[in-house]
């Protein structure tokens, strides 16, 4: 079975996407990374990260739109899924972990 490379994106890469990276880091057959789309992101999304990823999971529809407008040409053949998780949680908050497992888990099994 091959390894899937999953990239989690949110706005500033401080709460949601780094939590997702932590949660799924130990899952078998997965390599995970995370980044943000805002200029003040802790880790700003790079073209290299996009090239590396097999699957891109964004937290909100606005993230997909921002990704499309900024990196449209590099998204050819990439699957981008909106998880629909609002920016209402702290890093590693139990409710956020539960939501990530429920919404992203089935896509990553």
PDB file of N, CA and C in Angstrom:
ATOM      1  N   UNK A   1       0.847  -1.189   0.000  1.00  0.00           N
ATOM      2  CA  UNK A   1       0.000   0.000   0.000  1.00  0.00           C
ATOM      3  C   UNK A   1       0.887   1.246   0.000  1.00  0.00           C
ATOM      4  N   UNK A   2       0.543   2.200  -0.850  1.00  0.00           N
ATOM      5  CA  UNK A   2       1.408   3.375  -0.960  1.00  0.00           C
ATOM      6  C   UNK A   2       1.056   4.429   0.093  1.00  0.00           C
ATOM      7  N   UNK A   3       2.003   5.273   0.352  1.00  0.00           N
ATOM      8  CA  UNK A   3       1.820   6.349   1.321  1.00  0.00           C
ATOM      9  C   UNK A   3       1.086   7.503   0.648  1.00  0.00           C
ATOM     10  N   UNK A   4       0.111   8.070   1.354  1.00  0.00           N
ATOM     11  CA  UNK A   4      -0.592   9.259   0.854  1.00  0.00           C
ATOM     12  C   UNK A   4      -0.030  10.481   1.553  1.00  0.00           C
ATOM     13  N   UNK A   5       0.182  11.532   0.777  1.00  0.00           N
ATOM     14  CA  UNK A   5       0.697  12.787   1.323  1.00  0.00           C
ATOM     15  C   UNK A   5      -0.452  13.785   1.416  1.00  0.00           C
ATOM     16  N   UNK A   6      -0.773  14.162   2.644  1.00  0.00           N
ATOM     17  CA  UNK A   6      -1.936  15.005   2.906  1.00  0.00           C
ATOM     18  C   UNK A   6      -1.485  16.356   3.454  1.00  0.00           C
ATOM     19  N   UNK A   7      -2.010  17.423   2.855  1.00  0.00           N
ATOM     20  CA  UNK A   7      -1.694  18.779   3.272  1.00  0.00           C
ATOM     21  C   UNK A   7      -2.951  19.414   3.864  1.00  0.00           C
ATOM     22  N   UNK A   8      -2.853  19.887   5.097  1.00  0.00           N
ATOM     23  CA  UNK A   8      -3.959  20.573   5.763  1.00  0.00           C
ATOM     24  C   UNK A   8      -3.715  22.076   5.702  1.00  0.00           C
ATOM     25  N   UNK A   9      -4.756  22.822   5.291  1.00  0.00           N
ATOM     26  CA  UNK A   9      -4.626  24.267   5.180  1.00  0.00           C
ATOM     27  C   UNK A   9      -5.705  24.993   5.976  1.00  0.00           C
ATOM     28  N   UNK A  10      -5.296  26.070   6.636  1.00  0.00           N
ATOM     29  CA  UNK A  10      -6.245  27.000   7.242  1.00  0.00           C
ATOM     30  C   UNK A  10      -5.699  28.404   6.990  1.00  0.00           C
ATOM     31  N   UNK A  11      -6.112  29.380   7.777  1.00  0.00           N
ATOM     32  CA  UNK A  11      -5.676  30.753   7.513  1.00  0.00           C
ATOM     33  C   UNK A  11      -4.246  31.019   7.976  1.00  0.00           C
ATOM     34  N   UNK A  12      -4.014  30.904   9.284  1.00  0.00           N
ATOM     35  CA  UNK A  12      -2.719  31.316   9.832  1.00  0.00           C
ATOM     36  C   UNK A  12      -1.832  30.156  10.289  1.00  0.00           C
ATOM     37  N   UNK A  13      -2.288  28.911  10.109  1.00  0.00           N
ATOM     38  CA  UNK A  13      -1.495  27.740  10.493  1.00  0.00           C
ATOM     39  C   UNK A  13      -1.098  27.782  11.971  1.00  0.00           C
ATOM     40  N   UNK A  14      -2.058  28.190  12.813  1.00  0.00           N
ATOM     41  CA  UNK A  14      -1.776  28.238  14.254  1.00  0.00           C
ATOM     42  C   UNK A  14      -2.671  27.299  15.055  1.00  0.00           C
ATOM     43  N   UNK A  15      -3.887  27.045  14.587  1.00  0.00           N
ATOM     44  CA  UNK A  15      -4.834  26.273  15.385  1.00  0.00           C
ATOM     45  C   UNK A  15      -5.335  25.025  14.661  1.00  0.00           C
ATOM     46  N   UNK A  16      -6.122  25.211  13.617  1.00  0.00           N
ATOM     47  CA  UNK A  16      -6.780  24.066  12.975  1.00  0.00           C
ATOM     48  C   UNK A  16      -5.833  23.158  12.196  1.00  0.00           C
ATOM     49  N   UNK A  17      -5.092  23.712  11.241  1.00  0.00           N
ATOM     50  CA  UNK A  17      -4.239  22.826  10.426  1.00  0.00           C
ATOM     51  C   UNK A  17      -3.093  22.192  11.218  1.00  0.00           C
ATOM     52  N   UNK A  18      -2.452  22.909  12.167  1.00  0.00           N
ATOM     53  CA  UNK A  18      -1.427  22.206  12.956  1.00  0.00           C
ATOM     54  C   UNK A  18      -2.025  21.125  13.856  1.00  0.00           C
ATOM     55  N   UNK A  19      -3.258  21.336  14.331  1.00  0.00           N
ATOM     56  CA  UNK A  19      -3.931  20.293  15.116  1.00  0.00           C
ATOM     57  C   UNK A  19      -4.155  19.065  14.232  1.00  0.00           C
ATOM     58  N   UNK A  20      -4.638  19.295  13.016  1.00  0.00           N
ATOM     59  CA  UNK A  20      -4.868  18.184  12.084  1.00  0.00           C
ATOM     60  C   UNK A  20      -3.557  17.442  11.801  1.00  0.00           C
ATOM     61  N   UNK A  21      -2.492  18.196  11.614  1.00  0.00           N
ATOM     62  CA  UNK A  21      -1.193  17.574  11.356  1.00  0.00           C
ATOM     63  C   UNK A  21      -0.788  16.675  12.531  1.00  0.00           C
ATOM     64  N   UNK A  22      -0.966  17.160  13.749  1.00  0.00           N
ATOM     65  CA  UNK A  22      -0.640  16.369  14.953  1.00  0.00           C
ATOM     66  C   UNK A  22      -1.507  15.108  15.039  1.00  0.00           C
ATOM     67  N   UNK A  23      -2.817  15.283  14.834  1.00  0.00           N
ATOM     68  CA  UNK A  23      -3.775  14.179  14.996  1.00  0.00           C
ATOM     69  C   UNK A  23      -3.485  13.043  14.021  1.00  0.00           C
ATOM     70  N   UNK A  24      -3.203  13.390  12.770  1.00  0.00           N
ATOM     71  CA  UNK A  24      -3.056  12.360  11.742  1.00  0.00           C
ATOM     72  C   UNK A  24      -1.609  11.944  11.485  1.00  0.00           C
ATOM     73  N   UNK A  25      -0.670  12.545  12.168  1.00  0.00           N
ATOM     74  CA  UNK A  25       0.755  12.256  11.973  1.00  0.00           C
ATOM     75  C   UNK A  25       1.077  10.778  12.189  1.00  0.00           C
ATOM     76  N   UNK A  26       0.401  10.141  13.135  1.00  0.00           N
ATOM     77  CA  UNK A  26       0.728   8.753  13.482  1.00  0.00           C
ATOM     78  C   UNK A  26      -0.101   7.721  12.711  1.00  0.00           C
ATOM     79  N   UNK A  27      -0.998   8.188  11.857  1.00  0.00           N
ATOM     80  CA  UNK A  27      -1.812   7.235  11.099  1.00  0.00           C
ATOM     81  C   UNK A  27      -0.939   6.488  10.090  1.00  0.00           C
ATOM     82  N   UNK A  28      -1.175   5.175   9.938  1.00  0.00           N
ATOM     83  CA  UNK A  28      -0.375   4.409   8.972  1.00  0.00           C
ATOM     84  C   UNK A  28      -0.644   4.874   7.542  1.00  0.00           C
ATOM     85  N   UNK A  29       0.355   4.759   6.716  1.00  0.00           N
ATOM     86  CA  UNK A  29       0.278   5.080   5.282  1.00  0.00           C
ATOM     87  C   UNK A  29       0.012   6.557   4.991  1.00  0.00           C
ATOM     88  N   UNK A  30       0.215   7.422   5.984  1.00  0.00           N
ATOM     89  CA  UNK A  30       0.023   8.860   5.759  1.00  0.00           C
ATOM     90  C   UNK A  30       1.292   9.631   6.072  1.00  0.00           C
ATOM     91  N   UNK A  31       1.576  10.606   5.235  1.00  0.00           N
ATOM     92  CA  UNK A  31       2.548  11.647   5.558  1.00  0.00           C
ATOM     93  C   UNK A  31       1.723  12.922   5.562  1.00  0.00           C
ATOM     94  N   UNK A  32       1.896  13.754   6.577  1.00  0.00           N
ATOM     95  CA  UNK A  32       1.072  14.947   6.693  1.00  0.00           C
ATOM     96  C   UNK A  32       1.921  16.204   6.846  1.00  0.00           C
ATOM     97  N   UNK A  33       1.347  17.317   6.421  1.00  0.00           N
ATOM     98  CA  UNK A  33       1.984  18.614   6.563  1.00  0.00           C
ATOM     99  C   UNK A  33       0.850  19.630   6.702  1.00  0.00           C
ATOM    100  N   UNK A  34       1.207  20.845   7.128  1.00  0.00           N
ATOM    101  CA  UNK A  34       0.182  21.883   7.233  1.00  0.00           C
ATOM    102  C   UNK A  34       0.788  23.234   6.923  1.00  0.00           C
ATOM    103  N   UNK A  35      -0.090  24.167   6.533  1.00  0.00           N
ATOM    104  CA  UNK A  35       0.337  25.525   6.208  1.00  0.00           C
ATOM    105  C   UNK A  35      -0.870  26.446   6.286  1.00  0.00           C
ATOM    106  N   UNK A  36      -0.577  27.731   6.160  1.00  0.00           N
ATOM    107  CA  UNK A  36      -1.634  28.737   6.175  1.00  0.00           C
ATOM    108  C   UNK A  36      -1.620  29.540   4.897  1.00  0.00           C
ATOM    109  N   UNK A  37      -2.750  30.198   4.625  1.00  0.00           N
ATOM    110  CA  UNK A  37      -2.905  30.969   3.398  1.00  0.00           C
ATOM    111  C   UNK A  37      -2.802  32.475   3.622  1.00  0.00           C
ATOM    112  N   UNK A  38      -2.826  32.931   4.863  1.00  0.00           N
ATOM    113  CA  UNK A  38      -2.716  34.363   5.149  1.00  0.00           C
ATOM    114  C   UNK A  38      -1.245  34.782   5.153  1.00  0.00           C
ATOM    115  N   UNK A  39      -0.983  36.031   4.765  1.00  0.00           N
ATOM    116  CA  UNK A  39       0.407  36.511   4.748  1.00  0.00           C
ATOM    117  C   UNK A  39       1.099  36.393   6.111  1.00  0.00           C
ATOM    118  N   UNK A  40       0.323  36.430   7.204  1.00  0.00           N
ATOM    119  CA  UNK A  40       0.917  36.344   8.545  1.00  0.00           C
ATOM    120  C   UNK A  40       0.895  34.932   9.130  1.00  0.00           C
ATOM    121  N   UNK A  41       0.735  33.935   8.247  1.00  0.00           N
ATOM    122  CA  UNK A  41       0.706  32.542   8.711  1.00  0.00           C
ATOM    123  C   UNK A  41       2.035  32.148   9.337  1.00  0.00           C
ATOM    124  N   UNK A  42       1.981  31.290  10.357  1.00  0.00           N
ATOM    125  CA  UNK A  42       3.212  30.779  10.970  1.00  0.00           C
ATOM    126  C   UNK A  42       4.048  30.032   9.930  1.00  0.00           C
ATOM    127  N   UNK A  43       3.398  29.192   9.126  1.00  0.00           N
ATOM    128  CA  UNK A  43       4.040  28.552   7.974  1.00  0.00           C
ATOM    129  C   UNK A  43       3.190  28.899   6.763  1.00  0.00           C
ATOM    130  N   UNK A  44       3.691  29.759   5.912  1.00  0.00           N
ATOM    131  CA  UNK A  44       2.954  30.188   4.726  1.00  0.00           C
ATOM    132  C   UNK A  44       3.063  29.105   3.650  1.00  0.00           C
ATOM    133  N   UNK A  45       1.931  28.784   3.032  1.00  0.00           N
ATOM    134  CA  UNK A  45       1.894  27.749   2.000  1.00  0.00           C
ATOM    135  C   UNK A  45       2.909  28.032   0.895  1.00  0.00           C
ATOM    136  N   UNK A  46       3.657  27.001   0.519  1.00  0.00           N
ATOM    137  CA  UNK A  46       4.641  27.133  -0.562  1.00  0.00           C
ATOM    138  C   UNK A  46       4.239  26.252  -1.750  1.00  0.00           C
ATOM    139  N   UNK A  47       4.765  26.605  -2.901  1.00  0.00           N
ATOM    140  CA  UNK A  47       4.532  25.810  -4.110  1.00  0.00           C
ATOM    141  C   UNK A  47       5.072  24.395  -3.928  1.00  0.00           C
ATOM    142  N   UNK A  48       6.177  24.249  -3.189  1.00  0.00           N
ATOM    143  CA  UNK A  48       6.757  22.923  -2.942  1.00  0.00           C
ATOM    144  C   UNK A  48       5.795  22.033  -2.160  1.00  0.00           C
ATOM    145  N   UNK A  49       5.126  22.614  -1.165  1.00  0.00           N
ATOM    146  CA  UNK A  49       4.164  21.826  -0.389  1.00  0.00           C
ATOM    147  C   UNK A  49       3.021  21.351  -1.290  1.00  0.00           C
ATOM    148  N   UNK A  50       2.543  22.219  -2.159  1.00  0.00           N
ATOM    149  CA  UNK A  50       1.466  21.834  -3.077  1.00  0.00           C
ATOM    150  C   UNK A  50       1.920  20.717  -4.009  1.00  0.00           C
ATOM    151  N   UNK A  51       3.125  20.839  -4.528  1.00  0.00           N
ATOM    152  CA  UNK A  51       3.649  19.817  -5.440  1.00  0.00           C
ATOM    153  C   UNK A  51       3.766  18.473  -4.725  1.00  0.00           C
ATOM    154  N   UNK A  52       4.123  18.499  -3.448  1.00  0.00           N
ATOM    155  CA  UNK A  52       4.316  17.292  -2.638  1.00  0.00           C
ATOM    156  C   UNK A  52       2.996  16.566  -2.349  1.00  0.00           C
ATOM    157  N   UNK A  53       1.916  17.318  -2.153  1.00  0.00           N
ATOM    158  CA  UNK A  53       0.648  16.754  -1.655  1.00  0.00           C
ATOM    159  C   UNK A  53      -0.137  15.962  -2.692  1.00  0.00           C
ATOM    160  N   UNK A  54      -0.716  14.847  -2.222  1.00  0.00           N
ATOM    161  CA  UNK A  54      -1.667  14.073  -3.038  1.00  0.00           C
ATOM    162  C   UNK A  54      -3.086  14.571  -2.801  1.00  0.00           C
ATOM    163  N   UNK A  55      -3.345  14.980  -1.557  1.00  0.00           N
ATOM    164  CA  UNK A  55      -4.680  15.403  -1.141  1.00  0.00           C
ATOM    165  C   UNK A  55      -4.533  16.670  -0.307  1.00  0.00           C
ATOM    166  N   UNK A  56      -5.370  17.658  -0.592  1.00  0.00           N
ATOM    167  CA  UNK A  56      -5.333  18.926   0.138  1.00  0.00           C
ATOM    168  C   UNK A  56      -6.663  19.094   0.855  1.00  0.00           C
ATOM    169  N   UNK A  57      -6.592  19.226   2.173  1.00  0.00           N
ATOM    170  CA  UNK A  57      -7.797  19.401   2.980  1.00  0.00           C
ATOM    171  C   UNK A  57      -7.780  20.814   3.555  1.00  0.00           C
ATOM    172  N   UNK A  58      -8.783  21.613   3.169  1.00  0.00           N
ATOM    173  CA  UNK A  58      -8.894  22.983   3.657  1.00  0.00           C
ATOM    174  C   UNK A  58     -10.038  23.057   4.664  1.00  0.00           C
ATOM    175  N   UNK A  59      -9.949  23.991   5.586  1.00  0.00           N
ATOM    176  CA  UNK A  59     -10.948  24.070   6.649  1.00  0.00           C
ATOM    177  C   UNK A  59     -12.243  24.744   6.211  1.00  0.00           C
ATOM    178  N   UNK A  60     -12.166  25.743   5.308  1.00  0.00           N
ATOM    179  CA  UNK A  60     -13.348  26.511   4.897  1.00  0.00           C
ATOM    180  C   UNK A  60     -13.350  26.720   3.381  1.00  0.00           C
ATOM    181  N   UNK A  61     -14.546  26.996   2.842  1.00  0.00           N
ATOM    182  CA  UNK A  61     -14.673  27.283   1.401  1.00  0.00           C
ATOM    183  C   UNK A  61     -13.808  28.460   0.991  1.00  0.00           C
ATOM    184  N   UNK A  62     -13.698  29.464   1.863  1.00  0.00           N
ATOM    185  CA  UNK A  62     -12.872  30.641   1.557  1.00  0.00           C
ATOM    186  C   UNK A  62     -11.419  30.228   1.316  1.00  0.00           C
ATOM    187  N   UNK A  63     -10.958  29.193   2.020  1.00  0.00           N
ATOM    188  CA  UNK A  63      -9.585  28.730   1.830  1.00  0.00           C
ATOM    189  C   UNK A  63      -9.420  28.119   0.440  1.00  0.00           C
ATOM    190  N   UNK A  64     -10.426  27.388   0.001  1.00  0.00           N
ATOM    191  CA  UNK A  64     -10.339  26.799  -1.343  1.00  0.00           C
ATOM    192  C   UNK A  64     -10.307  27.908  -2.396  1.00  0.00           C
ATOM    193  N   UNK A  65     -11.136  28.938  -2.217  1.00  0.00           N
ATOM    194  CA  UNK A  65     -11.142  30.053  -3.171  1.00  0.00           C
ATOM    195  C   UNK A  65      -9.783  30.764  -3.193  1.00  0.00           C
ATOM    196  N   UNK A  66      -9.219  31.011  -2.014  1.00  0.00           N
ATOM    197  CA  UNK A  66      -7.926  31.689  -1.925  1.00  0.00           C
ATOM    198  C   UNK A  66      -6.831  30.832  -2.570  1.00  0.00           C
ATOM    199  N   UNK A  67      -6.893  29.533  -2.309  1.00  0.00           N
ATOM    200  CA  UNK A  67      -5.930  28.588  -2.885  1.00  0.00           C
ATOM    201  C   UNK A  67      -6.030  28.609  -4.407  1.00  0.00           C
ATOM    202  N   UNK A  68      -7.252  28.563  -4.904  1.00  0.00           N
ATOM    203  CA  UNK A  68      -7.507  28.548  -6.348  1.00  0.00           C
ATOM    204  C   UNK A  68      -6.994  29.835  -7.002  1.00  0.00           C
ATOM    205  N   UNK A  69      -7.253  30.983  -6.380  1.00  0.00           N
ATOM    206  CA  UNK A  69      -6.842  32.239  -7.015  1.00  0.00           C
ATOM    207  C   UNK A  69      -5.328  32.416  -6.964  1.00  0.00           C
ATOM    208  N   UNK A  70      -4.685  31.908  -5.939  1.00  0.00           N
ATOM    209  CA  UNK A  70      -3.246  32.123  -5.800  1.00  0.00           C
ATOM    210  C   UNK A  70      -2.404  31.044  -6.492  1.00  0.00           C
ATOM    211  N   UNK A  71      -2.913  29.800  -6.485  1.00  0.00           N
ATOM    212  CA  UNK A  71      -2.106  28.672  -6.992  1.00  0.00           C
ATOM    213  C   UNK A  71      -2.849  27.842  -8.033  1.00  0.00           C
ATOM    214  N   UNK A  72      -3.854  28.422  -8.684  1.00  0.00           N
ATOM    215  CA  UNK A  72      -4.711  27.679  -9.612  1.00  0.00           C
ATOM    216  C   UNK A  72      -3.988  26.726 -10.541  1.00  0.00           C
ATOM    217  N   UNK A  73      -2.935  27.207 -11.196  1.00  0.00           N
ATOM    218  CA  UNK A  73      -2.200  26.384 -12.154  1.00  0.00           C
ATOM    219  C   UNK A  73      -1.534  25.169 -11.534  1.00  0.00           C
ATOM    220  N   UNK A  74      -1.178  25.271 -10.262  1.00  0.00           N
ATOM    221  CA  UNK A  74      -0.487  24.159  -9.597  1.00  0.00           C
ATOM    222  C   UNK A  74      -1.454  23.145  -8.979  1.00  0.00           C
ATOM    223  N   UNK A  75      -2.754  23.394  -9.123  1.00  0.00           N
ATOM    224  CA  UNK A  75      -3.745  22.486  -8.532  1.00  0.00           C
ATOM    225  C   UNK A  75      -4.251  21.441  -9.519  1.00  0.00           C
ATOM    226  N   UNK A  76      -3.753  21.486 -10.754  1.00  0.00           N
ATOM    227  CA  UNK A  76      -4.204  20.509 -11.767  1.00  0.00           C
ATOM    228  C   UNK A  76      -3.982  19.087 -11.260  1.00  0.00           C
ATOM    229  N   UNK A  77      -5.040  18.292 -11.279  1.00  0.00           N
ATOM    230  CA  UNK A  77      -4.944  16.900 -10.856  1.00  0.00           C
ATOM    231  C   UNK A  77      -4.907  16.704  -9.349  1.00  0.00           C
ATOM    232  N   UNK A  78      -5.031  17.791  -8.590  1.00  0.00           N
ATOM    233  CA  UNK A  78      -5.020  17.688  -7.118  1.00  0.00           C
ATOM    234  C   UNK A  78      -6.459  17.659  -6.616  1.00  0.00           C
ATOM    235  N   UNK A  79      -6.689  16.838  -5.610  1.00  0.00           N
ATOM    236  CA  UNK A  79      -8.011  16.798  -4.982  1.00  0.00           C
ATOM    237  C   UNK A  79      -7.999  17.755  -3.785  1.00  0.00           C
ATOM    238  N   UNK A  80      -8.917  18.718  -3.807  1.00  0.00           N
ATOM    239  CA  UNK A  80      -9.041  19.687  -2.719  1.00  0.00           C
ATOM    240  C   UNK A  80     -10.414  19.492  -2.084  1.00  0.00           C
ATOM    241  N   UNK A  81     -10.428  19.208  -0.785  1.00  0.00           N
ATOM    242  CA  UNK A  81     -11.692  18.954  -0.070  1.00  0.00           C
ATOM    243  C   UNK A  81     -11.861  19.985   1.037  1.00  0.00           C
ATOM    244  N   UNK A  82     -13.063  20.567   1.104  1.00  0.00           N
ATOM    245  CA  UNK A  82     -13.398  21.511   2.174  1.00  0.00           C
ATOM    246  C   UNK A  82     -13.988  20.726   3.340  1.00  0.00           C
ATOM    247  N   UNK A  83     -13.379  20.837   4.519  1.00  0.00           N
ATOM    248  CA  UNK A  83     -13.855  20.108   5.699  1.00  0.00           C
ATOM    249  C   UNK A  83     -15.001  20.839   6.414  1.00  0.00           C
ATOM    250  N   UNK A  84     -15.133  22.131   6.211  1.00  0.00           N
ATOM    251  CA  UNK A  84     -16.206  22.882   6.852  1.00  0.00           C
ATOM    252  C   UNK A  84     -16.020  23.011   8.359  1.00  0.00           C
ATOM    253  N   UNK A  85     -14.803  23.345   8.779  1.00  0.00           N
ATOM    254  CA  UNK A  85     -14.505  23.510  10.202  1.00  0.00           C
ATOM    255  C   UNK A  85     -14.181  24.984  10.453  1.00  0.00           C
ATOM    256  N   UNK A  86     -15.061  25.690  11.187  1.00  0.00           N
ATOM    257  CA  UNK A  86     -14.856  27.122  11.426  1.00  0.00           C
ATOM    258  C   UNK A  86     -13.701  27.391  12.391  1.00  0.00           C
ATOM    259  N   UNK A  87     -13.250  28.623  12.402  1.00  0.00           N
ATOM    260  CA  UNK A  87     -12.123  29.035  13.248  1.00  0.00           C
ATOM    261  C   UNK A  87     -12.624  29.348  14.660  1.00  0.00           C
ATOM    262  N   UNK A  88     -13.161  28.337  15.327  1.00  0.00           N
ATOM    263  CA  UNK A  88     -13.767  28.515  16.654  1.00  0.00           C
ATOM    264  C   UNK A  88     -13.048  27.719  17.733  1.00  0.00           C
ATOM    265  N   UNK A  89     -11.879  27.182  17.425  1.00  0.00           N
ATOM    266  CA  UNK A  89     -11.255  26.235  18.346  1.00  0.00           C
ATOM    267  C   UNK A  89      -9.815  26.618  18.655  1.00  0.00           C
ATOM    268  N   UNK A  90      -9.338  26.132  19.785  1.00  0.00           N
ATOM    269  CA  UNK A  90      -7.938  26.312  20.157  1.00  0.00           C
ATOM    270  C   UNK A  90      -7.129  25.126  19.647  1.00  0.00           C
ATOM    271  N   UNK A  91      -5.808  25.288  19.610  1.00  0.00           N
ATOM    272  CA  UNK A  91      -4.905  24.217  19.206  1.00  0.00           C
ATOM    273  C   UNK A  91      -5.121  22.991  20.098  1.00  0.00           C
ATOM    274  N   UNK A  92      -5.333  21.846  19.471  1.00  0.00           N
ATOM    275  CA  UNK A  92      -5.518  20.551  20.142  1.00  0.00           C
ATOM    276  C   UNK A  92      -6.738  20.512  21.075  1.00  0.00           C
ATOM    277  N   UNK A  93      -7.699  21.393  20.854  1.00  0.00           N
ATOM    278  CA  UNK A  93      -8.939  21.354  21.649  1.00  0.00           C
ATOM    279  C   UNK A  93      -9.704  20.072  21.317  1.00  0.00           C
ATOM    280  N   UNK A  94     -10.245  19.440  22.357  1.00  0.00           N
ATOM    281  CA  UNK A  94     -10.913  18.131  22.195  1.00  0.00           C
ATOM    282  C   UNK A  94     -12.003  18.168  21.127  1.00  0.00           C
ATOM    283  N   UNK A  95     -12.804  19.225  21.101  1.00  0.00           N
ATOM    284  CA  UNK A  95     -13.889  19.324  20.114  1.00  0.00           C
ATOM    285  C   UNK A  95     -13.345  19.439  18.697  1.00  0.00           C
ATOM    286  N   UNK A  96     -12.226  20.110  18.545  1.00  0.00           N
ATOM    287  CA  UNK A  96     -11.601  20.232  17.222  1.00  0.00           C
ATOM    288  C   UNK A  96     -11.070  18.872  16.767  1.00  0.00           C
ATOM    289  N   UNK A  97     -10.434  18.156  17.662  1.00  0.00           N
ATOM    290  CA  UNK A  97      -9.910  16.822  17.332  1.00  0.00           C
ATOM    291  C   UNK A  97     -11.052  15.897  16.913  1.00  0.00           C
ATOM    292  N   UNK A  98     -12.144  15.956  17.661  1.00  0.00           N
ATOM    293  CA  UNK A  98     -13.313  15.130  17.352  1.00  0.00           C
ATOM    294  C   UNK A  98     -13.858  15.454  15.955  1.00  0.00           C
ATOM    295  N   UNK A  99     -13.967  16.749  15.643  1.00  0.00           N
ATOM    296  CA  UNK A  99     -14.446  17.173  14.317  1.00  0.00           C
ATOM    297  C   UNK A  99     -13.508  16.707  13.207  1.00  0.00           C
ATOM    298  N   UNK A 100     -12.225  16.846  13.433  1.00  0.00           N
ATOM    299  CA  UNK A 100     -11.243  16.410  12.433  1.00  0.00           C
ATOM    300  C   UNK A 100     -11.341  14.913  12.178  1.00  0.00           C
ATOM    301  N   UNK A 101     -11.475  14.139  13.251  1.00  0.00           N
ATOM    302  CA  UNK A 101     -11.599  12.683  13.102  1.00  0.00           C
ATOM    303  C   UNK A 101     -12.862  12.325  12.336  1.00  0.00           C
ATOM    304  N   UNK A 102     -13.954  13.055  12.614  1.00  0.00           N
ATOM    305  CA  UNK A 102     -15.228  12.772  11.971  1.00  0.00           C
ATOM    306  C   UNK A 102     -15.223  13.183  10.493  1.00  0.00           C
ATOM    307  N   UNK A 103     -14.651  14.351  10.198  1.00  0.00           N
ATOM    308  CA  UNK A 103     -14.729  14.872   8.834  1.00  0.00           C
ATOM    309  C   UNK A 103     -13.567  14.429   7.947  1.00  0.00           C
ATOM    310  N   UNK A 104     -12.351  14.392   8.487  1.00  0.00           N
ATOM    311  CA  UNK A 104     -11.194  14.010   7.673  1.00  0.00           C
ATOM    312  C   UNK A 104     -10.900  12.518   7.763  1.00  0.00           C
ATOM    313  N   UNK A 105     -11.176  11.937   8.914  1.00  0.00           N
ATOM    314  CA  UNK A 105     -10.882  10.515   9.125  1.00  0.00           C
ATOM    315  C   UNK A 105     -11.331   9.595   8.011  1.00  0.00           C
ATOM    316  N   UNK A 106     -12.625   9.676   7.601  1.00  0.00           N
ATOM    317  CA  UNK A 106     -13.097   8.784   6.531  1.00  0.00           C
ATOM    318  C   UNK A 106     -12.357   8.974   5.210  1.00  0.00           C
ATOM    319  N   UNK A 107     -11.887  10.192   4.942  1.00  0.00           N
ATOM    320  CA  UNK A 107     -11.149  10.446   3.694  1.00  0.00           C
ATOM    321  C   UNK A 107      -9.737   9.880   3.745  1.00  0.00           C
ATOM    322  N   UNK A 108      -9.249   9.639   4.957  1.00  0.00           N
ATOM    323  CA  UNK A 108      -7.850   9.243   5.125  1.00  0.00           C
ATOM    324  C   UNK A 108      -7.661   7.769   5.484  1.00  0.00           C
ATOM    325  N   UNK A 109      -8.752   7.050   5.684  1.00  0.00           N
ATOM    326  CA  UNK A 109      -8.643   5.627   6.042  1.00  0.00           C
ATOM    327  C   UNK A 109      -8.209   4.804   4.855  1.00  0.00           C
TER     328      UNK A 109
END
